[in-house]
C-alpha atoms as a PDB file:
ATOM      1  CA  MET A   1      -5.236   4.720  12.003  1.00  0.00           C
ATOM      2  CA  TYR A   2      -2.602   5.472  14.662  1.00  0.00           C
ATOM      3  CA  SER A   3      -2.798   9.220  14.078  1.00  0.00           C
ATOM      4  CA  TYR A   4      -0.294  11.549  15.747  1.00  0.00           C
ATOM      5  CA  PRO A   5       1.148  14.648  14.028  1.00  0.00           C
ATOM      6  CA  HIS A   6       4.781  13.590  14.510  1.00  0.00           C
ATOM      7  CA  TYR A   7       4.073  10.321  12.675  1.00  0.00           C
ATOM      8  CA  LYS A   8       2.752  12.033   9.531  1.00  0.00           C
ATOM      9  CA  GLU A   9       4.621  12.399   6.239  1.00  0.00           C
ATOM     10  CA  GLU A  10       3.768  15.701   4.532  1.00  0.00           C
ATOM     11  CA  ASP A  11       5.604  15.129   1.240  1.00  0.00           C
ATOM     12  CA  ARG A  12       2.908  13.902  -1.179  1.00  0.00           C
ATOM     13  CA  GLN A  13       5.446  12.613  -3.693  1.00  0.00           C
ATOM     14  CA  LEU A  14       7.107  10.440  -1.049  1.00  0.00           C
ATOM     15  CA  ILE A  15       3.701   9.012  -0.166  1.00  0.00           C
ATOM     16  CA  LEU A  16       2.860   8.292  -3.819  1.00  0.00           C
ATOM     17  CA  SER A  17       6.266   6.709  -4.350  1.00  0.00           C
ATOM     18  CA  PHE A  18       5.654   4.465  -1.334  1.00  0.00           C
ATOM     19  CA  MET A  19       2.285   3.404  -2.745  1.00  0.00           C
ATOM     20  CA  GLN A  20       3.768   2.594  -6.138  1.00  0.00           C
ATOM     21  CA  ARG A  21       6.601   0.573  -4.566  1.00  0.00           C
ATOM     22  CA  ASN A  22       4.138  -1.415  -2.459  1.00  0.00           C
ATOM     23  CA  PRO A  23       1.301  -2.268  -4.866  1.00  0.00           C
ATOM     24  CA  PHE A  24       0.066  -5.437  -3.120  1.00  0.00           C
ATOM     25  CA  VAL A  25      -2.745  -3.919  -1.086  1.00  0.00           C
ATOM     26  CA  THR A  26      -5.690  -4.852   1.102  1.00  0.00           C
ATOM     27  CA  VAL A  27      -9.033  -3.636  -0.236  1.00  0.00           C
ATOM     28  CA  ILE A  28     -11.686  -3.321   2.475  1.00  0.00           C
ATOM     29  CA  GLY A  29     -15.419  -2.761   2.125  1.00  0.00           C
ATOM     30  CA  ALA A  30     -18.678  -3.510   3.900  1.00  0.00           C
ATOM     31  CA  ASP A  31     -22.070  -4.600   2.616  1.00  0.00           C
ATOM     32  CA  LYS A  32     -25.379  -2.864   3.426  1.00  0.00           C
ATOM     33  CA  ASN A  33     -25.598  -4.815   6.680  1.00  0.00           C
ATOM     34  CA  GLY A  34     -22.134  -3.769   7.827  1.00  0.00           C
ATOM     35  CA  ARG A  35     -20.377  -7.083   7.242  1.00  0.00           C
ATOM     36  CA  VAL A  36     -16.756  -6.274   6.404  1.00  0.00           C
ATOM     37  CA  GLU A  37     -15.032  -7.993   3.471  1.00  0.00           C
ATOM     38  CA  ALA A  38     -11.382  -7.746   2.416  1.00  0.00           C
ATOM     39  CA  THR A  39      -9.248  -8.898  -0.501  1.00  0.00           C
ATOM     40  CA  GLN A  40      -5.500  -8.667  -1.096  1.00  0.00           C
ATOM     41  CA  ILE A  41      -4.593  -7.806  -4.673  1.00  0.00           C
ATOM     42  CA  PRO A  42      -1.993  -5.941  -6.764  1.00  0.00           C
ATOM     43  CA  VAL A  43      -3.054  -2.533  -8.052  1.00  0.00           C
ATOM     44  CA  LEU A  44      -1.922   0.311 -10.272  1.00  0.00           C
ATOM     45  CA  VAL A  45      -1.534   3.792  -8.777  1.00  0.00           C
ATOM     46  CA  GLU A  46      -1.782   6.653 -11.272  1.00  0.00           C
ATOM     47  CA  GLU A  47      -2.044  10.434 -11.171  1.00  0.00           C
ATOM     48  CA  ARG A  48      -4.145  12.072 -13.863  1.00  0.00           C
ATOM     49  CA  GLU A  49      -4.963  15.793 -13.960  1.00  0.00           C
ATOM     50  CA  ASP A  50      -3.943  16.241 -10.319  1.00  0.00           C
ATOM     51  CA  LYS A  51      -6.220  13.412  -9.208  1.00  0.00           C
ATOM     52  CA  LEU A  52      -5.087  10.072  -7.805  1.00  0.00           C
ATOM     53  CA  TYR A  53      -6.588   6.789  -9.024  1.00  0.00           C
ATOM     54  CA  ILE A  54      -6.173   3.187  -7.914  1.00  0.00           C
ATOM     55  CA  SER A  55      -7.221   0.389 -10.262  1.00  0.00           C
ATOM     56  CA  GLY A  56      -7.234  -3.394 -10.131  1.00  0.00           C
ATOM     57  CA  HIS A  57      -9.536  -6.386 -10.368  1.00  0.00           C
ATOM     58  CA  ILE A  58     -11.236  -8.797  -7.993  1.00  0.00           C
ATOM     59  CA  ALA A  59     -13.157 -12.036  -8.388  1.00  0.00           C
ATOM     60  CA  ARG A  60     -16.544 -11.497  -9.989  1.00  0.00           C
ATOM     61  CA  LYS A  61     -19.685 -12.103  -7.894  1.00  0.00           C
ATOM     62  CA  MET A  62     -17.756 -13.256  -4.835  1.00  0.00           C
ATOM     63  CA  ASP A  63     -18.639 -11.903  -1.371  1.00  0.00           C
ATOM     64  CA  HIS A  64     -16.353  -8.888  -1.655  1.00  0.00           C
ATOM     65  CA  GLN A  65     -17.584  -7.684  -5.026  1.00  0.00           C
ATOM     66  CA  LEU A  66     -21.197  -8.199  -3.983  1.00  0.00           C
ATOM     67  CA  ALA A  67     -20.586  -6.159  -0.822  1.00  0.00           C
ATOM     68  CA  LEU A  68     -18.987  -3.321  -2.792  1.00  0.00           C
ATOM     69  CA  GLU A  69     -21.916  -3.303  -5.194  1.00  0.00           C
ATOM     70  CA  GLN A  70     -24.196  -2.696  -2.211  1.00  0.00           C
ATOM     71  CA  ASN A  71     -21.864  -0.128  -0.643  1.00  0.00           C
ATOM     72  CA  PRO A  72     -19.182   1.245  -3.009  1.00  0.00           C
ATOM     73  CA  GLN A  73     -17.223   3.074  -0.295  1.00  0.00           C
ATOM     74  CA  ALA A  74     -13.827   1.384   0.015  1.00  0.00           C
ATOM     75  CA  LEU A  75     -10.641   1.632   2.054  1.00  0.00           C
ATOM     76  CA  ILE A  76      -7.370   0.487   0.468  1.00  0.00           C
ATOM     77  CA  LEU A  77      -4.352  -0.173   2.704  1.00  0.00           C
ATOM     78  CA  PHE A  78      -0.772   0.102   1.459  1.00  0.00           C
ATOM     79  CA  THR A  79       1.844  -1.336   3.804  1.00  0.00           C
ATOM     80  CA  GLY A  80       5.604  -1.761   3.592  1.00  0.00           C
ATOM     81  CA  ALA A  81       8.443  -2.998   5.733  1.00  0.00           C
ATOM     82  CA  HIS A  82       7.846  -3.213   9.487  1.00  0.00           C
ATOM     83  CA  THR A  83       9.834  -4.376  12.480  1.00  0.00           C
ATOM     84  CA  TYR A  84       9.912  -4.899  16.235  1.00  0.00           C
ATOM     85  CA  VAL A  85      11.879  -2.251  18.147  1.00  0.00           C
ATOM     86  CA  SER A  86      13.111  -3.401  21.555  1.00  0.00           C
ATOM     87  CA  GLY A  87      12.791  -1.021  24.481  1.00  0.00           C
ATOM     88  CA  THR A  88      16.394  -1.954  25.351  1.00  0.00           C
ATOM     89  CA  TYR A  89      17.523   0.299  22.481  1.00  0.00           C
ATOM     90  CA  TYR A  90      16.345   3.432  24.334  1.00  0.00           C
ATOM     91  CA  THR A  91      18.521   5.597  26.553  1.00  0.00           C
ATOM     92  CA  GLY A  92      17.719   6.373  30.182  1.00  0.00           C
ATOM     93  CA  ASN A  93      15.180   4.241  32.031  1.00  0.00           C
ATOM     94  CA  LEU A  94      15.293   0.828  30.359  1.00  0.00           C
ATOM     95  CA  GLN A  95      11.998  -0.232  31.901  1.00  0.00           C
ATOM     96  CA  GLN A  96      10.022   1.000  28.900  1.00  0.00           C
ATOM     97  CA  ALA A  97       7.710  -0.821  26.545  1.00  0.00           C
ATOM     98  CA  SER A  98       8.995  -2.020  23.212  1.00  0.00           C
ATOM     99  CA  THR A  99       7.204  -0.979  20.036  1.00  0.00           C
ATOM    100  CA  TRP A 100       6.775  -1.661  16.320  1.00  0.00           C
ATOM    101  CA  ASN A 101       7.950   0.613  13.502  1.00  0.00           C
ATOM    102  CA  TYR A 102       6.112   0.639  10.193  1.00  0.00           C
ATOM    103  CA  ILE A 103       4.634   2.704   7.367  1.00  0.00           C
ATOM    104  CA  SER A 104       1.030   2.514   6.237  1.00  0.00           C
ATOM    105  CA  VAL A 105      -0.995   4.575   3.752  1.00  0.00           C
ATOM    106  CA  HIS A 106      -4.808   4.569   3.769  1.00  0.00           C
ATOM    107  CA  ALA A 107      -6.714   5.573   0.622  1.00  0.00           C
ATOM    108  CA  ARG A 108     -10.494   6.015   0.612  1.00  0.00           C
ATOM    109  CA  GLY A 109     -12.937   6.494  -2.220  1.00  0.00           C
ATOM    110  CA  GLU A 110     -15.837   5.073  -4.177  1.00  0.00           C
ATOM    111  CA  MET A 111     -15.492   1.975  -6.341  1.00  0.00           C
ATOM    112  CA  LYS A 112     -16.398   2.331 -10.011  1.00  0.00           C
ATOM    113  CA  TRP A 113     -16.752  -0.892 -11.995  1.00  0.00           C
ATOM    114  CA  MET A 114     -15.278  -1.225 -15.483  1.00  0.00           C
ATOM    115  CA  ASN A 115     -17.006  -2.537 -18.566  1.00  0.00           C
ATOM    116  CA  GLU A 116     -15.295  -5.278 -20.559  1.00  0.00           C
ATOM    117  CA  GLU A 117     -13.256  -2.881 -22.672  1.00  0.00           C
ATOM    118  CA  GLY A 118     -12.066  -1.107 -19.537  1.00  0.00           C
ATOM    119  CA  LEU A 119     -11.094  -4.453 -18.024  1.00  0.00           C
ATOM    120  CA  ILE A 120      -9.115  -5.368 -21.150  1.00  0.00           C
ATOM    121  CA  GLN A 121      -7.192  -2.093 -21.030  1.00  0.00           C
ATOM    122  CA  LEU A 122      -6.534  -2.591 -17.322  1.00  0.00           C
ATOM    123  CA  LEU A 123      -5.194  -6.125 -17.872  1.00  0.00           C
ATOM    124  CA  LYS A 124      -2.925  -4.857 -20.621  1.00  0.00           C
ATOM    125  CA  LYS A 125      -1.534  -2.153 -18.345  1.00  0.00           C
ATOM    126  CA  LEU A 126      -1.214  -4.444 -15.331  1.00  0.00           C
ATOM    127  CA  THR A 127       0.605  -7.228 -17.147  1.00  0.00           C
ATOM    128  CA  LEU A 128       2.977  -4.836 -18.909  1.00  0.00           C
ATOM    129  CA  HIS A 129       3.687  -2.954 -15.689  1.00  0.00           C
ATOM    130  CA  PHE A 130       4.519  -6.004 -13.591  1.00  0.00           C
ATOM    131  CA  GLU A 131       6.520  -7.578 -16.437  1.00  0.00           C
ATOM    132  CA  ASN A 132       8.617  -4.381 -16.554  1.00  0.00           C
ATOM    133  CA  TYR A 133       7.240  -3.516 -20.006  1.00  0.00           C
ATOM    134  CA  ASN A 134       8.837  -6.563 -21.591  1.00  0.00           C
ATOM    135  CA  THR A 135       6.643  -6.920 -24.684  1.00  0.00           C
ATOM    136  CA  ALA A 136       8.247 -10.288 -25.468  1.00  0.00           C
ATOM    137  CA  SER A 137       6.993 -11.816 -22.207  1.00  0.00           C
ATOM    138  CA  THR A 138       4.629 -14.728 -22.764  1.00  0.00           C
ATOM    139  CA  THR A 139       2.450 -13.642 -19.829  1.00  0.00           C
ATOM    140  CA  ILE A 140       1.433 -10.124 -20.899  1.00  0.00           C
ATOM    141  CA  TYR A 141      -2.152  -9.750 -22.057  1.00  0.00           C
ATOM    142  CA  ASP A 142      -1.399  -9.344 -25.760  1.00  0.00           C
ATOM    143  CA  ASN A 143       0.612 -12.586 -25.836  1.00  0.00           C
ATOM    144  CA  LEU A 144      -1.968 -14.811 -24.138  1.00  0.00           C
ATOM    145  CA  PRO A 145      -4.420 -16.980 -26.151  1.00  0.00           C
ATOM    146  CA  GLU A 146      -7.913 -15.540 -26.593  1.00  0.00           C
ATOM    147  CA  GLU A 147      -9.587 -18.728 -25.389  1.00  0.00           C
ATOM    148  CA  TYR A 148      -7.789 -18.351 -22.049  1.00  0.00           C
ATOM    149  CA  LEU A 149      -8.444 -14.604 -21.876  1.00  0.00           C
ATOM    150  CA  GLY A 150     -12.142 -15.083 -22.525  1.00  0.00           C
ATOM    151  CA  LYS A 151     -12.456 -17.369 -19.506  1.00  0.00           C
ATOM    152  CA  LEU A 152     -10.361 -14.994 -17.413  1.00  0.00           C
ATOM    153  CA  ARG A 153     -12.500 -11.962 -18.218  1.00  0.00           C
ATOM    154  CA  LYS A 154     -15.636 -13.816 -17.132  1.00  0.00           C
ATOM    155  CA  ALA A 155     -14.110 -14.606 -13.742  1.00  0.00           C
ATOM    156  CA  ILE A 156     -12.976 -11.112 -12.710  1.00  0.00           C
ATOM    157  CA  VAL A 157     -14.244  -7.554 -12.649  1.00  0.00           C
ATOM    158  CA  GLY A 158     -12.098  -4.459 -12.987  1.00  0.00           C
ATOM    159  CA  PHE A 159     -12.443  -1.376 -10.805  1.00  0.00           C
ATOM    160  CA  GLU A 160     -11.108   2.125 -10.519  1.00  0.00           C
ATOM    161  CA  MET A 161     -11.259   4.251  -7.398  1.00  0.00           C
ATOM    162  CA  GLU A 162     -10.581   7.967  -7.332  1.00  0.00           C
ATOM    163  CA  VAL A 163      -8.878   8.673  -4.019  1.00  0.00           C
ATOM    164  CA  THR A 164     -10.937  11.238  -2.126  1.00  0.00           C
ATOM    165  CA  GLU A 165      -9.096  10.863   1.194  1.00  0.00           C
ATOM    166  CA  LEU A 166      -5.448   9.963   1.702  1.00  0.00           C
ATOM    167  CA  ASP A 167      -3.844   9.476   5.107  1.00  0.00           C
ATOM    168  CA  ASN A 168      -0.611   7.956   6.354  1.00  0.00           C
ATOM    169  CA  VAL A 169       1.399   6.910   9.363  1.00  0.00           C
ATOM    170  CA  TYR A 170       5.201   6.831   9.229  1.00  0.00           C
ATOM    171  CA  LYS A 171       5.870   5.431  12.699  1.00  0.00           C
ATOM    172  CA  LEU A 172       9.662   5.470  12.780  1.00  0.00           C
ATOM    173  CA  SER A 173      10.645   6.413  16.342  1.00  0.00           C
ATOM    174  CA  GLN A 174      10.269  10.159  15.764  1.00  0.00           C
ATOM    175  CA  ASN A 175       9.166  10.454  19.402  1.00  0.00           C
ATOM    176  CA  ARG A 176      12.556   9.321  20.730  1.00  0.00           C
ATOM    177  CA  ASP A 177      15.545  11.420  21.728  1.00  0.00           C
ATOM    178  CA  GLN A 178      18.416  11.672  19.282  1.00  0.00           C
ATOM    179  CA  VAL A 179      20.673   9.167  21.044  1.00  0.00           C
ATOM    180  CA  SER A 180      17.884   6.584  21.276  1.00  0.00           C
ATOM    181  CA  TYR A 181      17.010   7.172  17.633  1.00  0.00           C
ATOM    182  CA  ASP A 182      20.604   6.535  16.578  1.00  0.00           C
ATOM    183  CA  ASN A 183      20.770   3.440  18.793  1.00  0.00           C
ATOM    184  CA  ILE A 184      17.641   2.079  17.138  1.00  0.00           C
ATOM    185  CA  VAL A 185      19.109   2.690  13.673  1.00  0.00           C
ATOM    186  CA  THR A 186      22.342   0.918  14.633  1.00  0.00           C
ATOM    187  CA  GLU A 187      20.565  -2.099  16.129  1.00  0.00           C
ATOM    188  CA  LEU A 188      18.086  -2.481  13.272  1.00  0.00           C
ATOM    189  CA  LYS A 189      20.792  -2.238  10.609  1.00  0.00           C
ATOM    190  CA  LYS A 190      22.570  -5.192  12.226  1.00  0.00           C
ATOM    191  CA  GLN A 191      19.546  -7.331  11.340  1.00  0.00           C
ATOM    192  CA  ASP A 192      18.483  -8.870   8.072  1.00  0.00           C
ATOM    193  CA  GLY A 193      15.300  -8.347   6.104  1.00  0.00           C
ATOM    194  CA  GLN A 194      12.700  -5.794   7.037  1.00  0.00           C
ATOM    195  CA  ALA A 195      14.412  -4.704  10.247  1.00  0.00           C
ATOM    196  CA  GLY A 196      17.477  -3.661   8.274  1.00  0.00           C
ATOM    197  CA  GLU A 197      15.269  -1.927   5.714  1.00  0.00           C
ATOM    198  CA  ILE A 198      13.536   0.110   8.417  1.00  0.00           C
ATOM    199  CA  GLY A 199      16.898   0.957   9.977  1.00  0.00           C
ATOM    200  CA  SER A 200      18.233   2.253   6.654  1.00  0.00           C
ATOM    201  CA  LEU A 201      15.058   4.263   6.063  1.00  0.00           C
ATOM    202  CA  MET A 202      15.317   5.827   9.515  1.00  0.00           C
ATOM    203  CA  GLU A 203      18.931   6.724   8.763  1.00  0.00           C
ATOM    204  CA  GLU A 204      17.864   8.436   5.529  1.00  0.00           C
ATOM    205  CA  ARG A 205      15.180  10.397   7.374  1.00  0.00           C
ATOM    206  CA  ARG A 206      17.361  11.407  10.328  1.00  0.00           C
ATOM    207  CA  SER A 207      17.821  15.013   9.159  1.00  0.00           C
ATOM    208  CA  LYS A 208      14.044  15.456   8.960  1.00  0.00           C
ATOM    209  CA  VAL A 209      13.586  14.189  12.509  1.00  0.00           C
ATOM    210  CA  PHE A 210      16.514  16.146  13.969  1.00  0.00           C
ATOM    211  CA  PRO A 211      17.108  19.168  11.713  1.00  0.00           C
ATOM    212  CA  SER A 212      20.342  20.982  12.498  1.00  0.00           C
END
């Protein structure tokens, strides 16, 4: 991780909110021989009794699950909007390198595999959550045919990971002078998509970067 103190977010609730808003993650693990495997999946992020848990499911008996069975230590990456920041936005000497602004949260822990009942409860929670708790939706677990669900359960395995280490990088031009920072915000907000999103976020965080 790109780890400098001025790029760290200290507010735990902001970090958890970011994780919950960006649930499509990359799960990374390595087998006993050190071969690295990765899978991108949606997850649930939950706090229970002051502990943080991440749960989801991956394909059963594929390379990634087999690796995590050999070595249950996992790294889960949460990422959000990101954008190129041109060095021409800075004040002073314009012969400076451009950069990239982004947010990333890294969660580490040990994978615990669910039994079938745990998987069923996970699928119920996942489908309800991503269908915005619309119980009439035809795609939530309770409204799907058992024949289909039986085949599905055989193909996937559920997991839960208690987060034992949580780290983050909020790289949002905190190292720039105030005029450059404001220039970056102005230029990014002129753009569509993720650039505009980063610009708006930087604007919201301005008072934290330059407290009066």
